[in-house]
Amino acid sequence: MSDVREQMTKALDHLKQQRDELQVQLHLAKADAKDEWARLETQWDEIKPKLEAAREEVGKTAESVGAALGMAIEELKKGYERLRSRL
């Protein structure tokens, strides 16, 4: 009977330890996600006016502007995907 009680105690302790470790990892993941979001928001704030200006100027210098903005958009898109995979 005491073997069963001891096994149950060990199992319970192990589960508690795993739970505590996961709780810390989730907390850290939230902090990482917030940092990543802040970085992406900065990029968005930089890209948005350029996109709006480029939309207004379409045709004039679309090729040169389009290539640079395309790279910036792709980087932002990948950042959102990384963040989504973390959540």
Protein backbone atom coordinates (compact mmCIF):
# COMPACT_ATOMS: atom_id res chain seq x y z
CA MET A 1 0.00 0.00 0.00
CA SER A 2 2.82 2.43 0.80
CA ASP A 3 4.43 1.65 -2.60
CA VAL A 4 1.29 2.80 -4.35
CA ARG A 5 1.14 5.91 -2.20
CA GLU A 6 4.82 6.63 -2.91
CA GLN A 7 4.29 6.16 -6.67
CA MET A 8 1.30 8.48 -6.59
CA THR A 9 3.31 11.08 -4.67
CA LYS A 10 6.17 10.88 -7.19
CA ALA A 11 3.76 11.11 -10.11
CA LEU A 12 2.04 14.11 -8.56
CA ASP A 13 5.40 15.82 -7.88
CA HIS A 14 6.51 15.16 -11.45
CA LEU A 15 3.31 16.62 -12.87
CA LYS A 16 3.61 19.67 -10.65
CA GLN A 17 7.19 20.22 -11.81
CA GLN A 18 6.17 19.93 -15.47
CA ARG A 19 3.29 22.32 -14.89
CA ASP A 20 5.57 24.87 -13.22
CA GLU A 21 8.12 24.63 -16.03
CA LEU A 22 5.43 25.09 -18.68
CA GLN A 23 4.04 28.07 -16.82
CA VAL A 24 7.47 29.75 -16.89
CA GLN A 25 7.91 28.92 -20.59
CA LEU A 26 4.50 30.36 -21.40
CA HIS A 27 5.34 33.53 -19.51
CA LEU A 28 8.60 33.87 -21.44
CA ALA A 29 6.83 33.13 -24.72
CA LYS A 30 4.35 35.91 -23.99
CA ALA A 31 7.21 38.32 -23.38
CA ASP A 32 8.93 37.22 -26.59
CA ALA A 33 5.69 37.57 -28.51
CA LYS A 34 5.17 41.08 -27.14
CA ASP A 35 8.71 42.05 -28.14
CA GLU A 36 8.21 40.62 -31.61
CA TRP A 37 4.87 42.45 -31.92
CA ALA A 38 6.49 45.74 -30.93
CA ARG A 39 9.22 45.23 -33.53
CA LEU A 40 6.65 44.40 -36.21
CA GLU A 41 4.53 47.41 -35.28
CA THR A 42 7.57 49.64 -35.76
CA GLN A 43 8.10 48.14 -39.20
CA TRP A 44 4.40 48.57 -40.00
CA ASP A 45 4.53 52.23 -38.95
CA GLU A 46 7.49 52.74 -41.29
CA ILE A 47 6.02 50.84 -44.24
CA LYS A 48 2.42 52.03 -44.15
CA PRO A 49 3.02 55.65 -45.24
CA LYS A 50 5.39 54.44 -47.96
CA LEU A 51 2.79 52.01 -49.25
CA GLU A 52 0.15 54.72 -49.26
CA ALA A 53 2.49 57.09 -51.07
CA ALA A 54 3.47 54.39 -53.55
CA ARG A 55 -0.18 53.65 -54.24
CA GLU A 56 -0.67 57.33 -55.10
CA GLU A 57 2.38 57.36 -57.34
CA VAL A 58 1.70 54.10 -59.13
CA GLY A 59 3.10 54.15 -62.59
CA LYS A 60 5.59 56.97 -62.07
CA THR A 61 8.33 55.07 -60.30
CA ALA A 62 6.49 51.90 -59.46
CA GLU A 63 9.28 49.51 -60.40
CA SER A 64 12.01 50.93 -58.17
CA VAL A 65 9.70 51.68 -55.27
CA GLY A 66 7.88 48.39 -55.70
CA ALA A 67 11.01 46.26 -55.33
CA ALA A 68 12.10 47.94 -52.10
CA LEU A 69 8.63 47.88 -50.62
CA GLY A 70 8.17 44.28 -51.73
CA MET A 71 11.17 43.26 -49.65
CA ALA A 72 9.91 45.20 -46.64
CA ILE A 73 6.44 43.70 -46.99
CA GLU A 74 7.89 40.19 -47.22
CA GLU A 75 9.95 40.74 -44.07
CA LEU A 76 6.87 41.98 -42.21
CA LYS A 77 4.84 39.03 -43.46
CA LYS A 78 7.48 36.57 -42.24
CA GLY A 79 7.53 38.33 -38.87
CA TYR A 80 3.78 37.92 -38.52
CA GLU A 81 4.10 34.24 -39.43
CA ARG A 82 6.84 33.75 -36.80
CA LEU A 83 4.68 35.42 -34.20
CA ARG A 84 1.62 33.37 -35.18
CA SER A 85 3.63 30.14 -34.86
CA ARG A 86 4.68 31.13 -31.34
CA LEU A 87 1.12 31.66 -30.18
